[in-house]
PDB file of N, CA and C in Angstrom:
ATOM      1  N   MET A   1     125.796  95.345 102.303  1.00  0.00           N
ATOM      2  CA  MET A   1     125.081  96.613 103.396  1.00  0.00           C
ATOM      3  C   MET A   1     123.767  96.922 103.038  1.00  0.00           C
ATOM      4  N   LEU A   2     122.884  96.718 103.654  1.00  0.00           N
ATOM      5  CA  LEU A   2     121.509  97.319 103.529  1.00  0.00           C
ATOM      6  C   LEU A   2     121.415  98.743 103.297  1.00  0.00           C
ATOM      7  N   MET A   3     120.869  99.028 101.975  1.00  0.00           N
ATOM      8  CA  MET A   3     120.773 100.658 101.614  1.00  0.00           C
ATOM      9  C   MET A   3     119.152 100.943 101.412  1.00  0.00           C
ATOM     10  N   ILE A   4     118.858 101.978 101.997  1.00  0.00           N
ATOM     11  CA  ILE A   4     117.286 102.300 101.761  1.00  0.00           C
ATOM     12  C   ILE A   4     117.466 103.923 101.084  1.00  0.00           C
ATOM     13  N   ASP A   5     116.999 103.771 100.090  1.00  0.00           N
ATOM     14  CA  ASP A   5     117.291 105.300  99.100  1.00  0.00           C
ATOM     15  C   ASP A   5     115.939 105.920  99.143  1.00  0.00           C
ATOM     16  N   ASP A   6     115.974 106.685  98.359  1.00  0.00           N
ATOM     17  CA  ASP A   6     114.482 107.525  97.798  1.00  0.00           C
ATOM     18  C   ASP A   6     113.934 106.618  96.927  1.00  0.00           C
ATOM     19  N   ALA A   7     114.133 106.083  96.381  1.00  0.00           N
ATOM     20  CA  ALA A   7     113.295 104.947  95.484  1.00  0.00           C
ATOM     21  C   ALA A   7     112.614 104.374  96.278  1.00  0.00           C
ATOM     22  N   ILE A   8     113.013 103.537  97.298  1.00  0.00           N
ATOM     23  CA  ILE A   8     112.359 102.718  97.926  1.00  0.00           C
ATOM     24  C   ILE A   8     111.374 103.188  99.215  1.00  0.00           C
ATOM     25  N   ALA A   9     111.802 104.760  99.493  1.00  0.00           N
ATOM     26  CA  ALA A   9     110.914 105.488 100.271  1.00  0.00           C
ATOM     27  C   ALA A   9     109.692 105.792  99.554  1.00  0.00           C
ATOM     28  N   GLU A  10     110.022 106.357  98.151  1.00  0.00           N
ATOM     29  CA  GLU A  10     108.889 106.764  97.146  1.00  0.00           C
ATOM     30  C   GLU A  10     108.154 105.592  97.137  1.00  0.00           C
ATOM     31  N   SER A  11     108.555 104.497  96.829  1.00  0.00           N
ATOM     32  CA  SER A  11     107.543 103.129  96.630  1.00  0.00           C
ATOM     33  C   SER A  11     106.583 103.050  97.484  1.00  0.00           C
ATOM     34  N   CYS A  12     107.246 103.131  98.897  1.00  0.00           N
ATOM     35  CA  CYS A  12     106.350 103.091 100.218  1.00  0.00           C
ATOM     36  C   CYS A  12     105.255 104.278 100.167  1.00  0.00           C
ATOM     37  N   VAL A  13     105.575 105.097  99.747  1.00  0.00           N
ATOM     38  CA  VAL A  13     104.535 106.385  99.787  1.00  0.00           C
ATOM     39  C   VAL A  13     103.514 106.023  98.720  1.00  0.00           C
ATOM     40  N   SER A  14     103.901 105.666  97.470  1.00  0.00           N
ATOM     41  CA  SER A  14     103.050 105.326  96.302  1.00  0.00           C
ATOM     42  C   SER A  14     102.212 104.088  96.862  1.00  0.00           C
ATOM     43  N   GLU A  15     102.812 102.814  97.245  1.00  0.00           N
ATOM     44  CA  GLU A  15     101.980 101.741  97.645  1.00  0.00           C
ATOM     45  C   GLU A  15     100.870 102.354  98.809  1.00  0.00           C
ATOM     46  N   ILE A  16     101.237 103.311  99.655  1.00  0.00           N
ATOM     47  CA  ILE A  16     100.074 103.720 100.772  1.00  0.00           C
ATOM     48  C   ILE A  16      99.133 104.535  99.954  1.00  0.00           C
ATOM     49  N   ALA A  17      99.561 105.438  99.429  1.00  0.00           N
ATOM     50  CA  ALA A  17      98.779 106.628  98.518  1.00  0.00           C
ATOM     51  C   ALA A  17      97.745 105.406  97.760  1.00  0.00           C
ATOM     52  N   LYS A  18      98.072 104.399  97.176  1.00  0.00           N
ATOM     53  CA  LYS A  18      97.348 103.968  95.970  1.00  0.00           C
ATOM     54  C   LYS A  18      96.252 102.745  96.738  1.00  0.00           C
ATOM     55  N   LEU A  19      96.540 102.218  97.961  1.00  0.00           N
ATOM     56  CA  LEU A  19      96.046 101.361  98.542  1.00  0.00           C
ATOM     57  C   LEU A  19      95.157 101.692  99.935  1.00  0.00           C
ATOM     58  N   SER A  20      95.052 103.003 100.427  1.00  0.00           N
ATOM     59  CA  SER A  20      94.739 103.546 101.341  1.00  0.00           C
ATOM     60  C   SER A  20      93.782 104.842 101.131  1.00  0.00           C
ATOM     61  N   PRO A  21      93.285 105.387 102.099  1.00  0.00           N
ATOM     62  CA  PRO A  21      92.639 106.605 101.822  1.00  0.00           C
ATOM     63  C   PRO A  21      93.442 108.034 101.888  1.00  0.00           C
ATOM     64  N   PHE A  22      94.939 108.020 102.046  1.00  0.00           N
ATOM     65  CA  PHE A  22      95.749 109.036 102.297  1.00  0.00           C
ATOM     66  C   PHE A  22      96.515 109.261 100.974  1.00  0.00           C
ATOM     67  N   GLY A  23      96.495 110.294 100.482  1.00  0.00           N
ATOM     68  CA  GLY A  23      97.167 110.828  99.345  1.00  0.00           C
ATOM     69  C   GLY A  23      98.558 111.117  99.482  1.00  0.00           C
ATOM     70  N   LYS A  24      99.438 111.209  98.532  1.00  0.00           N
ATOM     71  CA  LYS A  24     100.807 111.341  98.645  1.00  0.00           C
ATOM     72  C   LYS A  24     101.274 112.821  99.368  1.00  0.00           C
ATOM     73  N   GLU A  25     100.165 113.524  99.570  1.00  0.00           N
ATOM     74  CA  GLU A  25     100.534 114.937 100.025  1.00  0.00           C
ATOM     75  C   GLU A  25     100.815 114.708 101.331  1.00  0.00           C
ATOM     76  N   VAL A  26     100.106 113.819 102.011  1.00  0.00           N
ATOM     77  CA  VAL A  26      99.978 113.712 103.206  1.00  0.00           C
ATOM     78  C   VAL A  26     101.311 112.739 103.949  1.00  0.00           C
ATOM     79  N   ILE A  27     101.570 112.383 103.241  1.00  0.00           N
ATOM     80  CA  ILE A  27     102.911 111.043 103.768  1.00  0.00           C
ATOM     81  C   ILE A  27     104.275 111.668 103.070  1.00  0.00           C
ATOM     82  N   SER A  28     104.892 111.604 104.417  1.00  0.00           N
ATOM     83  CA  SER A  28     106.248 112.073 104.164  1.00  0.00           C
ATOM     84  C   SER A  28     107.248 111.191 104.761  1.00  0.00           C
ATOM     85  N   TYR A  29     108.620 111.231 104.247  1.00  0.00           N
ATOM     86  CA  TYR A  29     109.544 110.256 105.027  1.00  0.00           C
ATOM     87  C   TYR A  29     110.738 110.873 105.503  1.00  0.00           C
ATOM     88  N   GLU A  30     111.607 110.245 106.046  1.00  0.00           N
ATOM     89  CA  GLU A  30     112.993 110.371 106.386  1.00  0.00           C
ATOM     90  C   GLU A  30     113.845 109.486 106.455  1.00  0.00           C
ATOM     91  N   ILE A  31     115.176 109.307 105.550  1.00  0.00           N
ATOM     92  CA  ILE A  31     115.786 108.289 105.557  1.00  0.00           C
ATOM     93  C   ILE A  31     116.854 108.730 106.565  1.00  0.00           C
ATOM     94  N   GLN A  32     117.340 107.608 107.615  1.00  0.00           N
ATOM     95  CA  GLN A  32     118.039 107.826 108.573  1.00  0.00           C
ATOM     96  C   GLN A  32     118.998 106.652 108.972  1.00  0.00           C
ATOM     97  N   ASP A  33     120.040 106.907 110.078  1.00  0.00           N
ATOM     98  CA  ASP A  33     120.820 105.646 110.317  1.00  0.00           C
ATOM     99  C   ASP A  33     121.600 105.247 109.071  1.00  0.00           C
ATOM    100  N   ASP A  34     122.313 106.408 108.422  1.00  0.00           N
ATOM    101  CA  ASP A  34     123.023 105.858 107.346  1.00  0.00           C
ATOM    102  C   ASP A  34     122.600 104.874 106.107  1.00  0.00           C
ATOM    103  N   PHE A  35     121.357 105.463 105.952  1.00  0.00           N
ATOM    104  CA  PHE A  35     120.590 104.944 104.434  1.00  0.00           C
ATOM    105  C   PHE A  35     119.985 103.458 105.356  1.00  0.00           C
ATOM    106  N   GLN A  36     119.981 102.901 106.509  1.00  0.00           N
ATOM    107  CA  GLN A  36     119.534 101.689 106.893  1.00  0.00           C
ATOM    108  C   GLN A  36     118.246 101.895 107.616  1.00  0.00           C
ATOM    109  N   PHE A  37     117.550 102.856 107.534  1.00  0.00           N
ATOM    110  CA  PHE A  37     116.118 103.021 108.248  1.00  0.00           C
ATOM    111  C   PHE A  37     115.204 104.383 107.663  1.00  0.00           C
ATOM    112  N   VAL A  38     114.132 103.990 107.539  1.00  0.00           N
ATOM    113  CA  VAL A  38     113.022 104.890 107.001  1.00  0.00           C
ATOM    114  C   VAL A  38     111.943 105.187 107.908  1.00  0.00           C
ATOM    115  N   LEU A  39     111.916 106.460 108.224  1.00  0.00           N
ATOM    116  CA  LEU A  39     110.382 106.867 109.112  1.00  0.00           C
ATOM    117  C   LEU A  39     109.693 107.652 108.210  1.00  0.00           C
ATOM    118  N   LEU A  40     108.351 106.825 108.206  1.00  0.00           N
ATOM    119  CA  LEU A  40     107.298 107.498 107.380  1.00  0.00           C
ATOM    120  C   LEU A  40     106.557 108.009 108.106  1.00  0.00           C
ATOM    121  N   SER A  41     105.730 109.190 107.983  1.00  0.00           N
ATOM    122  CA  SER A  41     104.832 109.600 108.523  1.00  0.00           C
ATOM    123  C   SER A  41     103.364 110.013 107.711  1.00  0.00           C
ATOM    124  N   VAL A  42     102.240 109.523 108.409  1.00  0.00           N
ATOM    125  CA  VAL A  42     100.993 109.890 107.740  1.00  0.00           C
ATOM    126  C   VAL A  42     100.087 110.777 108.471  1.00  0.00           C
ATOM    127  N   VAL A  43      99.825 111.797 107.756  1.00  0.00           N
ATOM    128  CA  VAL A  43      98.764 112.862 108.621  1.00  0.00           C
ATOM    129  C   VAL A  43      97.519 112.313 108.331  1.00  0.00           C
ATOM    130  N   THR A  44      96.934 112.174 109.385  1.00  0.00           N
ATOM    131  CA  THR A  44      95.422 111.400 109.327  1.00  0.00           C
ATOM    132  C   THR A  44      94.437 112.745 109.381  1.00  0.00           C
ATOM    133  N   ASP A  45      94.873 113.762 109.656  1.00  0.00           N
ATOM    134  CA  ASP A  45      93.618 114.800 109.600  1.00  0.00           C
ATOM    135  C   ASP A  45      92.610 114.982 108.568  1.00  0.00           C
ATOM    136  N   GLY A  46      91.635 115.118 108.628  1.00  0.00           N
ATOM    137  CA  GLY A  46      90.608 115.057 107.434  1.00  0.00           C
ATOM    138  C   GLY A  46      89.890 113.730 107.054  1.00  0.00           C
ATOM    139  N   VAL A  47      90.830 112.625 107.609  1.00  0.00           N
ATOM    140  CA  VAL A  47      90.422 111.305 107.434  1.00  0.00           C
ATOM    141  C   VAL A  47      89.801 110.635 108.670  1.00  0.00           C
ATOM    142  N   SER A  48      88.473 110.770 108.442  1.00  0.00           N
ATOM    143  CA  SER A  48      87.997 110.249 109.974  1.00  0.00           C
ATOM    144  C   SER A  48      87.787 108.579 110.087  1.00  0.00           C
ATOM    145  N   ASP A  49      87.750 107.838 108.813  1.00  0.00           N
ATOM    146  CA  ASP A  49      87.328 106.459 108.819  1.00  0.00           C
ATOM    147  C   ASP A  49      88.500 105.675 108.938  1.00  0.00           C
ATOM    148  N   VAL A  50      89.686 105.931 109.478  1.00  0.00           N
ATOM    149  CA  VAL A  50      90.719 104.863 109.240  1.00  0.00           C
ATOM    150  C   VAL A  50      91.112 104.008 110.845  1.00  0.00           C
ATOM    151  N   SER A  51      90.404 102.829 110.441  1.00  0.00           N
ATOM    152  CA  SER A  51      90.684 101.787 111.541  1.00  0.00           C
ATOM    153  C   SER A  51      92.006 101.432 112.032  1.00  0.00           C
ATOM    154  N   PRO A  52      92.203 100.749 112.992  1.00  0.00           N
ATOM    155  CA  PRO A  52      93.394 100.156 113.360  1.00  0.00           C
ATOM    156  C   PRO A  52      93.922  99.231 112.502  1.00  0.00           C
ATOM    157  N   LEU A  53      92.833  98.329 111.980  1.00  0.00           N
ATOM    158  CA  LEU A  53      93.164  97.582 110.916  1.00  0.00           C
ATOM    159  C   LEU A  53      93.558  98.154 109.646  1.00  0.00           C
ATOM    160  N   ASP A  54      93.275  99.176 109.185  1.00  0.00           N
ATOM    161  CA  ASP A  54      93.858 100.040 108.004  1.00  0.00           C
ATOM    162  C   ASP A  54      94.880 100.358 108.295  1.00  0.00           C
ATOM    163  N   ARG A  55      95.459 100.686 109.626  1.00  0.00           N
ATOM    164  CA  ARG A  55      96.884 101.277 109.931  1.00  0.00           C
ATOM    165  C   ARG A  55      97.733 100.056 109.894  1.00  0.00           C
ATOM    166  N   LYS A  56      97.213  99.043 110.167  1.00  0.00           N
ATOM    167  CA  LYS A  56      98.208  97.684 110.253  1.00  0.00           C
ATOM    168  C   LYS A  56      98.541  97.313 108.839  1.00  0.00           C
ATOM    169  N   ARG A  57      97.521  97.481 108.160  1.00  0.00           N
ATOM    170  CA  ARG A  57      97.437  96.935 106.607  1.00  0.00           C
ATOM    171  C   ARG A  57      98.435  97.897 105.981  1.00  0.00           C
ATOM    172  N   ILE A  58      98.808  99.401 106.102  1.00  0.00           N
ATOM    173  CA  ILE A  58      99.590 100.150 105.712  1.00  0.00           C
ATOM    174  C   ILE A  58     101.147  99.751 106.008  1.00  0.00           C
ATOM    175  N   ALA A  59     101.105  99.383 107.616  1.00  0.00           N
ATOM    176  CA  ALA A  59     102.413  98.984 108.141  1.00  0.00           C
ATOM    177  C   ALA A  59     102.814  97.545 107.169  1.00  0.00           C
ATOM    178  N   ALA A  60     101.943  96.645 106.908  1.00  0.00           N
ATOM    179  CA  ALA A  60     102.178  95.461 106.232  1.00  0.00           C
ATOM    180  C   ALA A  60     102.731  95.874 104.873  1.00  0.00           C
ATOM    181  N   LEU A  61     102.169  97.002 104.282  1.00  0.00           N
ATOM    182  CA  LEU A  61     102.735  97.198 102.942  1.00  0.00           C
ATOM    183  C   LEU A  61     104.208  97.787 102.955  1.00  0.00           C
ATOM    184  N   VAL A  62     104.474  98.935 103.835  1.00  0.00           N
ATOM    185  CA  VAL A  62     105.889  98.789 104.247  1.00  0.00           C
ATOM    186  C   VAL A  62     106.788  97.721 104.140  1.00  0.00           C
ATOM    187  N   ASP A  63     106.406  96.841 105.346  1.00  0.00           N
ATOM    188  CA  ASP A  63     107.168  95.784 105.700  1.00  0.00           C
ATOM    189  C   ASP A  63     107.395  94.803 104.263  1.00  0.00           C
ATOM    190  N   GLY A  64     106.414  95.059 103.307  1.00  0.00           N
ATOM    191  CA  GLY A  64     106.690  94.183 101.712  1.00  0.00           C
ATOM    192  C   GLY A  64     107.702  94.855 101.110  1.00  0.00           C
ATOM    193  N   VAL A  65     107.944  96.430 101.136  1.00  0.00           N
ATOM    194  CA  VAL A  65     108.719  97.165 100.170  1.00  0.00           C
ATOM    195  C   VAL A  65     110.077  97.440 100.783  1.00  0.00           C
ATOM    196  N   VAL A  66     110.477  97.544 102.072  1.00  0.00           N
ATOM    197  CA  VAL A  66     111.479  98.115 102.744  1.00  0.00           C
ATOM    198  C   VAL A  66     112.671  96.773 103.070  1.00  0.00           C
ATOM    199  N   PRO A  67     113.671  96.839 102.704  1.00  0.00           N
ATOM    200  CA  PRO A  67     114.563  95.747 102.979  1.00  0.00           C
ATOM    201  C   PRO A  67     114.632  95.282 104.436  1.00  0.00           C
ATOM    202  N   LYS A  68     114.915  94.115 104.967  1.00  0.00           N
ATOM    203  CA  LYS A  68     115.000  94.005 106.361  1.00  0.00           C
ATOM    204  C   LYS A  68     116.466  93.732 106.443  1.00  0.00           C
ATOM    205  N   ARG A  69     116.943  93.867 107.909  1.00  0.00           N
ATOM    206  CA  ARG A  69     118.138  93.703 108.390  1.00  0.00           C
ATOM    207  C   ARG A  69     118.100  92.814 109.411  1.00  0.00           C
ATOM    208  N   ASN A  70     119.184  92.133 110.018  1.00  0.00           N
ATOM    209  CA  ASN A  70     119.630  91.486 111.253  1.00  0.00           C
ATOM    210  C   ASN A  70     119.589  92.013 112.385  1.00  0.00           C
ATOM    211  N   GLY A  71     118.941  91.991 113.314  1.00  0.00           N
ATOM    212  CA  GLY A  71     119.071  92.596 114.875  1.00  0.00           C
ATOM    213  C   GLY A  71     118.449  94.011 115.027  1.00  0.00           C
ATOM    214  N   GLU A  72     118.221  94.711 113.815  1.00  0.00           N
ATOM    215  CA  GLU A  72     117.656  96.125 114.014  1.00  0.00           C
ATOM    216  C   GLU A  72     116.464  96.075 112.992  1.00  0.00           C
ATOM    217  N   TYR A  73     115.594  97.146 113.561  1.00  0.00           N
ATOM    218  CA  TYR A  73     114.658  97.791 112.687  1.00  0.00           C
ATOM    219  C   TYR A  73     114.882  98.359 111.516  1.00  0.00           C
ATOM    220  N   SER A  74     114.077  98.611 110.152  1.00  0.00           N
ATOM    221  CA  SER A  74     114.662  99.125 109.031  1.00  0.00           C
ATOM    222  C   SER A  74     113.480 100.237 108.705  1.00  0.00           C
ATOM    223  N   TRP A  75     112.414 100.243 109.371  1.00  0.00           N
ATOM    224  CA  TRP A  75     111.404 101.067 109.132  1.00  0.00           C
ATOM    225  C   TRP A  75     110.699 101.235 110.186  1.00  0.00           C
ATOM    226  N   MET A  76     109.947 102.551 109.996  1.00  0.00           N
ATOM    227  CA  MET A  76     108.814 102.825 111.076  1.00  0.00           C
ATOM    228  C   MET A  76     107.592 103.749 110.258  1.00  0.00           C
ATOM    229  N   VAL A  77     106.258 103.518 110.774  1.00  0.00           N
ATOM    230  CA  VAL A  77     105.393 104.419 110.164  1.00  0.00           C
ATOM    231  C   VAL A  77     104.661 105.123 111.544  1.00  0.00           C
ATOM    232  N   SER A  78     104.350 106.260 111.253  1.00  0.00           N
ATOM    233  CA  SER A  78     103.829 106.954 112.453  1.00  0.00           C
ATOM    234  C   SER A  78     102.712 107.718 111.919  1.00  0.00           C
ATOM    235  N   PHE A  79     101.503 107.660 112.724  1.00  0.00           N
ATOM    236  CA  PHE A  79     100.260 108.290 112.079  1.00  0.00           C
ATOM    237  C   PHE A  79      99.909 109.477 113.047  1.00  0.00           C
ATOM    238  N   THR A  80      99.819 110.608 112.749  1.00  0.00           N
ATOM    239  CA  THR A  80      99.504 111.711 113.188  1.00  0.00           C
ATOM    240  C   THR A  80      98.142 112.433 113.079  1.00  0.00           C
ATOM    241  N   LEU A  81      97.713 113.105 113.992  1.00  0.00           N
ATOM    242  CA  LEU A  81      96.565 113.612 114.140  1.00  0.00           C
ATOM    243  C   LEU A  81      96.797 114.932 115.128  1.00  0.00           C
ATOM    244  N   LYS A  82      96.413 116.168 114.412  1.00  0.00           N
ATOM    245  CA  LYS A  82      96.632 117.398 114.587  1.00  0.00           C
ATOM    246  C   LYS A  82      98.342 117.456 115.479  1.00  0.00           C
ATOM    247  N   GLY A  83      98.997 117.018 114.557  1.00  0.00           N
ATOM    248  CA  GLY A  83     100.360 117.370 114.972  1.00  0.00           C
ATOM    249  C   GLY A  83     100.920 116.321 115.944  1.00  0.00           C
ATOM    250  N   GLN A  84     100.067 115.596 116.265  1.00  0.00           N
ATOM    251  CA  GLN A  84     100.819 114.591 117.546  1.00  0.00           C
ATOM    252  C   GLN A  84     100.476 113.400 117.115  1.00  0.00           C
ATOM    253  N   ILE A  85     101.647 112.256 117.132  1.00  0.00           N
ATOM    254  CA  ILE A  85     101.419 110.937 117.059  1.00  0.00           C
ATOM    255  C   ILE A  85     100.670 110.363 117.705  1.00  0.00           C
ATOM    256  N   PHE A  86      99.660 109.483 117.202  1.00  0.00           N
ATOM    257  CA  PHE A  86      98.727 108.633 118.035  1.00  0.00           C
ATOM    258  C   PHE A  86      99.015 107.030 117.761  1.00  0.00           C
ATOM    259  N   ASP A  87      99.721 106.552 116.887  1.00  0.00           N
ATOM    260  CA  ASP A  87      99.902 105.434 116.688  1.00  0.00           C
ATOM    261  C   ASP A  87     101.244 105.051 115.592  1.00  0.00           C
ATOM    262  N   SER A  88     101.787 104.230 115.866  1.00  0.00           N
ATOM    263  CA  SER A  88     102.753 103.772 114.837  1.00  0.00           C
ATOM    264  C   SER A  88     103.308 102.367 115.071  1.00  0.00           C
ATOM    265  N   TYR A  89     103.862 101.890 113.988  1.00  0.00           N
ATOM    266  CA  TYR A  89     104.283 100.535 113.799  1.00  0.00           C
ATOM    267  C   TYR A  89     105.641 100.523 113.125  1.00  0.00           C
ATOM    268  N   PHE A  90     106.368  99.453 113.372  1.00  0.00           N
ATOM    269  CA  PHE A  90     107.746  99.551 113.104  1.00  0.00           C
ATOM    270  C   PHE A  90     107.990  97.913 112.681  1.00  0.00           C
ATOM    271  N   GLY A  91     109.283  97.679 112.006  1.00  0.00           N
ATOM    272  CA  GLY A  91     109.428  96.166 111.531  1.00  0.00           C
ATOM    273  C   GLY A  91     110.610  96.300 110.782  1.00  0.00           C
ATOM    274  N   GLY A  92     111.155  95.401 109.943  1.00  0.00           N
ATOM    275  CA  GLY A  92     112.256  94.926 109.244  1.00  0.00           C
ATOM    276  C   GLY A  92     113.392  94.281 110.144  1.00  0.00           C
ATOM    277  N   ASP A  93     113.149  93.953 110.993  1.00  0.00           N
ATOM    278  CA  ASP A  93     114.268  93.196 111.842  1.00  0.00           C
ATOM    279  C   ASP A  93     114.038  91.610 111.467  1.00  0.00           C
ATOM    280  N   LEU A  94     114.890  90.917 110.977  1.00  0.00           N
ATOM    281  CA  LEU A  94     114.872  89.523 110.509  1.00  0.00           C
ATOM    282  C   LEU A  94     114.667  88.777 111.592  1.00  0.00           C
ATOM    283  N   MET A  95     115.507  89.347 112.795  1.00  0.00           N
ATOM    284  CA  MET A  95     115.566  88.214 113.694  1.00  0.00           C
ATOM    285  C   MET A  95     114.180  88.279 114.695  1.00  0.00           C
ATOM    286  N   SER A  96     113.178  89.049 114.501  1.00  0.00           N
ATOM    287  CA  SER A  96     112.379  89.151 115.029  1.00  0.00           C
ATOM    288  C   SER A  96     110.903  89.859 113.885  1.00  0.00           C
ATOM    289  N   PRO A  97     110.466  89.206 112.867  1.00  0.00           N
ATOM    290  CA  PRO A  97     110.051  89.685 112.101  1.00  0.00           C
ATOM    291  C   PRO A  97     108.185  90.019 112.175  1.00  0.00           C
ATOM    292  N   ASP A  98     107.777  89.793 113.256  1.00  0.00           N
ATOM    293  CA  ASP A  98     106.693  89.955 113.788  1.00  0.00           C
ATOM    294  C   ASP A  98     106.555  90.852 114.523  1.00  0.00           C
ATOM    295  N   SER A  99     107.466  91.584 115.319  1.00  0.00           N
ATOM    296  CA  SER A  99     107.205  92.644 116.595  1.00  0.00           C
ATOM    297  C   SER A  99     107.186  93.879 115.699  1.00  0.00           C
ATOM    298  N   GLY A 100     106.336  94.654 116.106  1.00  0.00           N
ATOM    299  CA  GLY A 100     106.087  96.128 116.251  1.00  0.00           C
ATOM    300  C   GLY A 100     104.945  96.079 114.928  1.00  0.00           C
ATOM    301  N   LEU A 101     104.279  94.912 114.507  1.00  0.00           N
ATOM    302  CA  LEU A 101     103.392  94.837 113.421  1.00  0.00           C
ATOM    303  C   LEU A 101     101.869  94.615 113.970  1.00  0.00           C
TER     304      LEU A 101
END
């Protein structure tokens, strides 16, 4: 059975922080669905030059780290501005690998 733990989630946070304009302090995560799903949230306040392509690249990073499962998604990344979600990506379903990206 697929298990998503803090190490996997922290690895996502580290990769995002290393390869994007966002520091670890603005990235949070929550493991859900009996350790089968991770929700990552990136606060974009104060970073003005993040394009849709940058956000998609962050989603692709997460997709490369989080284990996939059959028939259900295993991750989601939400981007917030002033407390509101304005964009999100999801993935990790082996049956539809490109949906949500």
